[in-house]
Amino acid sequence: MRRLLSLTSFLIIAACGSTPSANITHSWISKDIEQKQDLNGVLVLAIASKAESRQRFEREFTAALTKQGVRAVASYTLKGGAKISKEDVKAMGRKENLDTVLITTFAGRDQEEVLHRGRTYYGVQPIYTGGGYYRRGRGYYGGGYGAVYEIAHVPDFYAQHKSLHLEANLYEIATEEHLWVAASGITESESKQTMLDSFIDAFMTQLKADELIN
């Protein structure tokens, strides 16, 4: 099983949403990955419009990687702000002896109109017979029939479905060689934390599937 002990992430986290889970829509791994067994350490870097968003994503992604035995460092602990250059990445890599960088970037939003079919809801009104009672077991029950009636009807309607997409790319810092990529999408919700957690889970699952981490 191959294993890389370094990753870095640039991420733009900006959206709103509720609870759907993120799905990997595309992934790729370099055919040369088997030759990179000596890579050491991962710099986790998130690109965001706000420093707070960058820090939150890096902190949680780093924690998830560390939990799996990866030596990961959040870039905001080395350089703050919201703008990070290629030279900054190389400098941070040298300082912490990190060989790779996983860059997670904002990949856009989609919006589509989806038809939801209408539905009619029914109830049953009991109608009892007038011919007395009949015996069942040890108790007496009234003879019963039912009349179906409409309770409510919801007509066909269209709803706007919005989705947010992120892409994570793994590079070797020294050579800038592209080693791995995974694209992920999620239906937007009102909870940024829920979406953040779901994106990290999706990327971690793909890293494991591609045997980049144990």
C-alpha atoms as a PDB file:
ATOM      1  CA  MET A   1       0.000   0.000   0.000  1.00  0.00           C
ATOM      2  CA  ARG A   2       1.450   3.361  -0.960  1.00  0.00           C
ATOM      3  CA  ARG A   3       1.406   6.230   1.491  1.00  0.00           C
ATOM      4  CA  LEU A   4       2.358   9.885   1.258  1.00  0.00           C
ATOM      5  CA  LEU A   5       3.147  11.662   4.506  1.00  0.00           C
ATOM      6  CA  SER A   6       2.606  15.126   3.113  1.00  0.00           C
ATOM      7  CA  LEU A   7      -0.363  17.099   1.850  1.00  0.00           C
ATOM      8  CA  THR A   8      -1.316  20.783   1.439  1.00  0.00           C
ATOM      9  CA  SER A   9      -4.603  22.442   0.752  1.00  0.00           C
ATOM     10  CA  PHE A  10      -5.662  25.768  -0.756  1.00  0.00           C
ATOM     11  CA  LEU A  11      -9.412  26.177  -0.233  1.00  0.00           C
ATOM     12  CA  ILE A  12     -12.019  28.809  -0.859  1.00  0.00           C
ATOM     13  CA  ILE A  13     -14.898  28.074   1.497  1.00  0.00           C
ATOM     14  CA  ALA A  14     -17.770  30.396   0.755  1.00  0.00           C
ATOM     15  CA  ALA A  15     -21.343  29.262   0.648  1.00  0.00           C
ATOM     16  CA  CYS A  16     -24.501  28.470   2.533  1.00  0.00           C
ATOM     17  CA  GLY A  17     -26.284  25.177   3.045  1.00  0.00           C
ATOM     18  CA  SER A  18     -27.989  22.528   5.249  1.00  0.00           C
ATOM     19  CA  THR A  19     -26.986  18.833   5.540  1.00  0.00           C
ATOM     20  CA  PRO A  20     -26.484  16.905   2.286  1.00  0.00           C
ATOM     21  CA  SER A  21     -23.162  15.098   2.060  1.00  0.00           C
ATOM     22  CA  ALA A  22     -20.437  16.054  -0.408  1.00  0.00           C
ATOM     23  CA  ASN A  23     -19.743  13.661  -3.282  1.00  0.00           C
ATOM     24  CA  ILE A  24     -16.533  13.137  -5.228  1.00  0.00           C
ATOM     25  CA  THR A  25     -17.369  13.919  -8.849  1.00  0.00           C
ATOM     26  CA  HIS A  26     -13.913  13.361 -10.341  1.00  0.00           C
ATOM     27  CA  SER A  27     -10.507  12.096  -9.210  1.00  0.00           C
ATOM     28  CA  TRP A  28      -7.118  11.413 -10.778  1.00  0.00           C
ATOM     29  CA  ILE A  29      -3.776  10.127  -9.518  1.00  0.00           C
ATOM     30  CA  SER A  30      -0.378  10.384 -11.203  1.00  0.00           C
ATOM     31  CA  LYS A  31       1.107   7.197 -12.672  1.00  0.00           C
ATOM     32  CA  ASP A  32       4.405   8.309 -11.103  1.00  0.00           C
ATOM     33  CA  ILE A  33       2.984   8.241  -7.559  1.00  0.00           C
ATOM     34  CA  GLU A  34       4.676   4.936  -6.739  1.00  0.00           C
ATOM     35  CA  GLN A  35       8.042   6.645  -7.148  1.00  0.00           C
ATOM     36  CA  LYS A  36       7.233   9.190  -4.438  1.00  0.00           C
ATOM     37  CA  GLN A  37       7.547   6.950  -1.379  1.00  0.00           C
ATOM     38  CA  ASP A  38      10.113   9.211   0.292  1.00  0.00           C
ATOM     39  CA  LEU A  39       7.878  12.292   0.431  1.00  0.00           C
ATOM     40  CA  ASN A  40       7.544  13.645   3.944  1.00  0.00           C
ATOM     41  CA  GLY A  41       4.942  15.893   5.564  1.00  0.00           C
ATOM     42  CA  VAL A  42       1.969  17.884   4.281  1.00  0.00           C
ATOM     43  CA  LEU A  43       1.256  21.603   4.354  1.00  0.00           C
ATOM     44  CA  VAL A  44      -2.483  22.275   4.596  1.00  0.00           C
ATOM     45  CA  LEU A  45      -3.357  25.580   3.009  1.00  0.00           C
ATOM     46  CA  ALA A  46      -6.824  27.001   2.363  1.00  0.00           C
ATOM     47  CA  ILE A  47      -7.386  29.914   0.020  1.00  0.00           C
ATOM     48  CA  ALA A  48     -10.363  31.940   1.174  1.00  0.00           C
ATOM     49  CA  SER A  49     -11.629  35.486   0.880  1.00  0.00           C
ATOM     50  CA  LYS A  50     -11.509  35.765   4.678  1.00  0.00           C
ATOM     51  CA  ALA A  51      -8.643  34.750   6.959  1.00  0.00           C
ATOM     52  CA  GLU A  52     -11.120  33.280   9.457  1.00  0.00           C
ATOM     53  CA  SER A  53     -12.539  30.875   6.843  1.00  0.00           C
ATOM     54  CA  ARG A  54      -9.043  29.859   5.804  1.00  0.00           C
ATOM     55  CA  GLN A  55      -8.001  29.145   9.385  1.00  0.00           C
ATOM     56  CA  ARG A  56     -11.112  27.108  10.188  1.00  0.00           C
ATOM     57  CA  PHE A  57     -10.758  24.871   7.151  1.00  0.00           C
ATOM     58  CA  GLU A  58      -7.006  24.377   7.615  1.00  0.00           C
ATOM     59  CA  ARG A  59      -7.397  23.622  11.304  1.00  0.00           C
ATOM     60  CA  GLU A  60     -10.032  20.923  10.755  1.00  0.00           C
ATOM     61  CA  PHE A  61      -8.427  19.393   7.658  1.00  0.00           C
ATOM     62  CA  THR A  62      -5.086  19.227   9.478  1.00  0.00           C
ATOM     63  CA  ALA A  63      -6.750  17.534  12.449  1.00  0.00           C
ATOM     64  CA  ALA A  64      -8.357  14.939  10.159  1.00  0.00           C
ATOM     65  CA  LEU A  65      -5.021  14.169   8.477  1.00  0.00           C
ATOM     66  CA  THR A  66      -3.133  14.036  11.770  1.00  0.00           C
ATOM     67  CA  LYS A  67      -5.692  11.568  13.115  1.00  0.00           C
ATOM     68  CA  GLN A  68      -4.728   9.251  10.241  1.00  0.00           C
ATOM     69  CA  GLY A  69      -1.032   9.458  11.095  1.00  0.00           C
ATOM     70  CA  VAL A  70      -0.080  12.092   8.512  1.00  0.00           C
ATOM     71  CA  ARG A  71       2.428  14.755   9.592  1.00  0.00           C
ATOM     72  CA  ALA A  72       0.365  17.779   8.607  1.00  0.00           C
ATOM     73  CA  VAL A  73       0.875  21.494   9.275  1.00  0.00           C
ATOM     74  CA  ALA A  74      -1.766  24.202   8.813  1.00  0.00           C
ATOM     75  CA  SER A  75      -0.272  27.036   6.772  1.00  0.00           C
ATOM     76  CA  TYR A  76      -2.012  29.787   8.759  1.00  0.00           C
ATOM     77  CA  THR A  77       0.196  28.906  11.740  1.00  0.00           C
ATOM     78  CA  LEU A  78       3.194  29.948   9.609  1.00  0.00           C
ATOM     79  CA  LYS A  79       1.717  32.850   7.646  1.00  0.00           C
ATOM     80  CA  GLY A  80      -1.557  34.633   8.253  1.00  0.00           C
ATOM     81  CA  GLY A  81      -3.801  36.623   5.941  1.00  0.00           C
ATOM     82  CA  ALA A  82      -5.845  35.450   2.987  1.00  0.00           C
ATOM     83  CA  LYS A  83      -3.258  35.633   0.189  1.00  0.00           C
ATOM     84  CA  ILE A  84      -0.522  33.028  -0.164  1.00  0.00           C
ATOM     85  CA  SER A  85       1.990  32.984  -3.033  1.00  0.00           C
ATOM     86  CA  LYS A  86       3.948  30.108  -4.550  1.00  0.00           C
ATOM     87  CA  GLU A  87       7.078  31.508  -2.907  1.00  0.00           C
ATOM     88  CA  ASP A  88       5.281  31.478   0.462  1.00  0.00           C
ATOM     89  CA  VAL A  89       4.445  27.792   0.000  1.00  0.00           C
ATOM     90  CA  LYS A  90       8.047  26.911  -0.811  1.00  0.00           C
ATOM     91  CA  ALA A  91       9.316  28.897   2.168  1.00  0.00           C
ATOM     92  CA  MET A  92       6.866  27.202   4.535  1.00  0.00           C
ATOM     93  CA  GLY A  93       7.786  23.814   3.110  1.00  0.00           C
ATOM     94  CA  ARG A  94      11.492  24.423   3.730  1.00  0.00           C
ATOM     95  CA  LYS A  95      10.885  25.727   7.237  1.00  0.00           C
ATOM     96  CA  GLU A  96       8.781  22.729   8.315  1.00  0.00           C
ATOM     97  CA  ASN A  97      10.501  20.111   6.118  1.00  0.00           C
ATOM     98  CA  LEU A  98       7.299  19.406   4.178  1.00  0.00           C
ATOM     99  CA  ASP A  99       7.495  17.944   0.690  1.00  0.00           C
ATOM    100  CA  THR A 100       3.916  18.235  -0.599  1.00  0.00           C
ATOM    101  CA  VAL A 101       1.067  20.709  -0.754  1.00  0.00           C
ATOM    102  CA  LEU A 102      -2.636  19.833  -1.173  1.00  0.00           C
ATOM    103  CA  ILE A 103      -4.407  22.753  -2.818  1.00  0.00           C
ATOM    104  CA  THR A 104      -8.187  22.815  -2.409  1.00  0.00           C
ATOM    105  CA  THR A 105      -9.775  25.553  -4.501  1.00  0.00           C
ATOM    106  CA  PHE A 106     -13.238  26.917  -5.031  1.00  0.00           C
ATOM    107  CA  ALA A 107     -14.468  25.373  -8.308  1.00  0.00           C
ATOM    108  CA  GLY A 108     -17.764  27.197  -8.796  1.00  0.00           C
ATOM    109  CA  ARG A 109     -21.494  26.983  -8.186  1.00  0.00           C
ATOM    110  CA  ASP A 110     -24.241  25.307 -10.196  1.00  0.00           C
ATOM    111  CA  GLN A 111     -27.943  26.081 -10.225  1.00  0.00           C
ATOM    112  CA  GLU A 112     -30.642  24.006 -11.867  1.00  0.00           C
ATOM    113  CA  GLU A 113     -34.424  24.007 -11.904  1.00  0.00           C
ATOM    114  CA  VAL A 114     -35.848  20.658 -10.798  1.00  0.00           C
ATOM    115  CA  LEU A 115     -39.460  19.549 -11.278  1.00  0.00           C
ATOM    116  CA  HIS A 116     -41.114  18.101  -8.182  1.00  0.00           C
ATOM    117  CA  ARG A 117     -44.219  16.108  -9.035  1.00  0.00           C
ATOM    118  CA  GLY A 118     -47.379  16.970  -7.155  1.00  0.00           C
ATOM    119  CA  ARG A 119     -49.196  14.574  -4.865  1.00  0.00           C
ATOM    120  CA  THR A 120     -52.727  14.058  -3.566  1.00  0.00           C
ATOM    121  CA  TYR A 121     -53.253  12.959   0.050  1.00  0.00           C
ATOM    122  CA  TYR A 122     -56.314  10.912   1.067  1.00  0.00           C
ATOM    123  CA  GLY A 123     -58.061   9.927   4.279  1.00  0.00           C
ATOM    124  CA  VAL A 124     -60.704   7.305   5.100  1.00  0.00           C
ATOM    125  CA  GLN A 125     -64.008   8.178   6.800  1.00  0.00           C
ATOM    126  CA  PRO A 126     -65.422   5.157   8.719  1.00  0.00           C
ATOM    127  CA  ILE A 127     -69.017   4.178   7.900  1.00  0.00           C
ATOM    128  CA  TYR A 128     -70.559   1.640  10.299  1.00  0.00           C
ATOM    129  CA  THR A 129     -73.263  -0.871   9.253  1.00  0.00           C
ATOM    130  CA  GLY A 130     -76.661  -0.780  10.881  1.00  0.00           C
ATOM    131  CA  GLY A 131     -77.116  -4.527  11.055  1.00  0.00           C
ATOM    132  CA  GLY A 132     -75.939  -4.976  14.612  1.00  0.00           C
ATOM    133  CA  TYR A 133     -72.660  -6.486  15.657  1.00  0.00           C
ATOM    134  CA  TYR A 134     -70.585  -9.479  14.796  1.00  0.00           C
ATOM    135  CA  ARG A 135     -68.397 -11.478  17.117  1.00  0.00           C
ATOM    136  CA  ARG A 136     -64.637 -11.791  16.595  1.00  0.00           C
ATOM    137  CA  GLY A 137     -62.669 -13.669  19.184  1.00  0.00           C
ATOM    138  CA  ARG A 138     -63.868 -12.677  22.647  1.00  0.00           C
ATOM    139  CA  GLY A 139     -64.923  -9.136  21.883  1.00  0.00           C
ATOM    140  CA  TYR A 140     -67.695  -7.404  19.950  1.00  0.00           C
ATOM    141  CA  TYR A 141     -66.954  -5.010  17.103  1.00  0.00           C
ATOM    142  CA  GLY A 142     -69.112  -2.838  14.921  1.00  0.00           C
ATOM    143  CA  GLY A 143     -69.175  -3.757  11.252  1.00  0.00           C
ATOM    144  CA  GLY A 144     -67.133  -1.087   9.422  1.00  0.00           C
ATOM    145  CA  TYR A 145     -66.559   0.190   5.908  1.00  0.00           C
ATOM    146  CA  GLY A 146     -64.712   3.279   4.753  1.00  0.00           C
ATOM    147  CA  ALA A 147     -65.295   6.212   2.436  1.00  0.00           C
ATOM    148  CA  VAL A 148     -62.137   7.695   0.860  1.00  0.00           C
ATOM    149  CA  TYR A 149     -61.901  11.468   0.704  1.00  0.00           C
ATOM    150  CA  GLU A 150     -59.224  13.937  -0.371  1.00  0.00           C
ATOM    151  CA  ILE A 151     -57.323  15.692   2.399  1.00  0.00           C
ATOM    152  CA  ALA A 152     -54.948  17.861   0.395  1.00  0.00           C
ATOM    153  CA  HIS A 153     -53.360  18.230  -3.018  1.00  0.00           C
ATOM    154  CA  VAL A 154     -49.888  19.609  -3.762  1.00  0.00           C
ATOM    155  CA  PRO A 155     -49.518  20.567  -7.448  1.00  0.00           C
ATOM    156  CA  ASP A 156     -46.372  20.125  -9.535  1.00  0.00           C
ATOM    157  CA  PHE A 157     -43.760  22.766  -8.778  1.00  0.00           C
ATOM    158  CA  TYR A 158     -40.232  23.729  -9.799  1.00  0.00           C
ATOM    159  CA  ALA A 159     -37.495  24.415  -7.251  1.00  0.00           C
ATOM    160  CA  GLN A 160     -34.030  25.901  -7.663  1.00  0.00           C
ATOM    161  CA  HIS A 161     -31.255  23.528  -6.534  1.00  0.00           C
ATOM    162  CA  LYS A 162     -27.867  25.140  -5.919  1.00  0.00           C
ATOM    163  CA  SER A 163     -24.610  23.258  -5.471  1.00  0.00           C
ATOM    164  CA  LEU A 164     -21.104  24.279  -4.399  1.00  0.00           C
ATOM    165  CA  HIS A 165     -17.928  22.694  -5.764  1.00  0.00           C
ATOM    166  CA  LEU A 166     -14.361  22.458  -4.417  1.00  0.00           C
ATOM    167  CA  GLU A 167     -11.272  20.845  -5.917  1.00  0.00           C
ATOM    168  CA  ALA A 168      -8.286  19.491  -3.976  1.00  0.00           C
ATOM    169  CA  ASN A 169      -4.923  19.177  -5.745  1.00  0.00           C
ATOM    170  CA  LEU A 170      -1.766  17.580  -4.367  1.00  0.00           C
ATOM    171  CA  TYR A 171       1.606  18.821  -5.604  1.00  0.00           C
ATOM    172  CA  GLU A 172       5.211  18.102  -4.778  1.00  0.00           C
ATOM    173  CA  ILE A 173       6.517  21.452  -3.543  1.00  0.00           C
ATOM    174  CA  ALA A 174      10.070  21.270  -4.889  1.00  0.00           C
ATOM    175  CA  THR A 175       9.228  20.086  -8.420  1.00  0.00           C
ATOM    176  CA  GLU A 176       5.651  21.454  -8.599  1.00  0.00           C
ATOM    177  CA  GLU A 177       4.659  18.065 -10.027  1.00  0.00           C
ATOM    178  CA  HIS A 178       0.922  17.363  -9.957  1.00  0.00           C
ATOM    179  CA  LEU A 179       0.316  14.142  -7.989  1.00  0.00           C
ATOM    180  CA  TRP A 180      -3.415  13.925  -7.272  1.00  0.00           C
ATOM    181  CA  VAL A 181      -6.732  15.711  -7.680  1.00  0.00           C
ATOM    182  CA  ALA A 182     -10.269  15.218  -6.381  1.00  0.00           C
ATOM    183  CA  ALA A 183     -13.302  17.354  -7.204  1.00  0.00           C
ATOM    184  CA  SER A 184     -16.258  17.413  -4.844  1.00  0.00           C
ATOM    185  CA  GLY A 185     -19.729  18.933  -4.894  1.00  0.00           C
ATOM    186  CA  ILE A 186     -22.525  19.430  -2.380  1.00  0.00           C
ATOM    187  CA  THR A 187     -26.018  20.911  -2.353  1.00  0.00           C
ATOM    188  CA  GLU A 188     -25.728  24.257  -0.621  1.00  0.00           C
ATOM    189  CA  SER A 189     -27.171  24.555   2.858  1.00  0.00           C
ATOM    190  CA  GLU A 190     -27.407  27.228   5.503  1.00  0.00           C
ATOM    191  CA  SER A 191     -24.712  25.587   7.622  1.00  0.00           C
ATOM    192  CA  LYS A 192     -21.181  26.415   6.472  1.00  0.00           C
ATOM    193  CA  GLN A 193     -19.793  24.135   9.198  1.00  0.00           C
ATOM    194  CA  THR A 194     -21.821  21.193   7.914  1.00  0.00           C
ATOM    195  CA  MET A 195     -20.546  21.737   4.380  1.00  0.00           C
ATOM    196  CA  LEU A 196     -16.970  22.182   5.577  1.00  0.00           C
ATOM    197  CA  ASP A 197     -17.088  18.912   7.529  1.00  0.00           C
ATOM    198  CA  SER A 198     -18.669  17.108   4.585  1.00  0.00           C
ATOM    199  CA  PHE A 199     -16.048  18.330   2.105  1.00  0.00           C
ATOM    200  CA  ILE A 200     -13.221  17.239   4.400  1.00  0.00           C
ATOM    201  CA  ASP A 201     -14.842  13.826   4.878  1.00  0.00           C
ATOM    202  CA  ALA A 202     -15.182  13.408   1.106  1.00  0.00           C
ATOM    203  CA  PHE A 203     -11.552  14.347   0.426  1.00  0.00           C
ATOM    204  CA  MET A 204     -10.287  12.122   3.246  1.00  0.00           C
ATOM    205  CA  THR A 205     -12.323   9.190   1.907  1.00  0.00           C
ATOM    206  CA  GLN A 206     -10.825   9.666  -1.566  1.00  0.00           C
ATOM    207  CA  LEU A 207      -7.275   9.965  -0.193  1.00  0.00           C
ATOM    208  CA  LYS A 208      -7.789   6.640   1.555  1.00  0.00           C
ATOM    209  CA  ALA A 209      -9.343   5.051  -1.536  1.00  0.00           C
ATOM    210  CA  ASP A 210      -6.316   6.142  -3.594  1.00  0.00           C
ATOM    211  CA  GLU A 211      -4.018   4.795  -0.832  1.00  0.00           C
ATOM    212  CA  LEU A 212      -2.302   8.125  -0.270  1.00  0.00           C
ATOM    213  CA  ILE A 213      -2.974   7.723   3.435  1.00  0.00           C
ATOM    214  CA  ASN A 214      -3.604   4.617   5.508  1.00  0.00           C
END
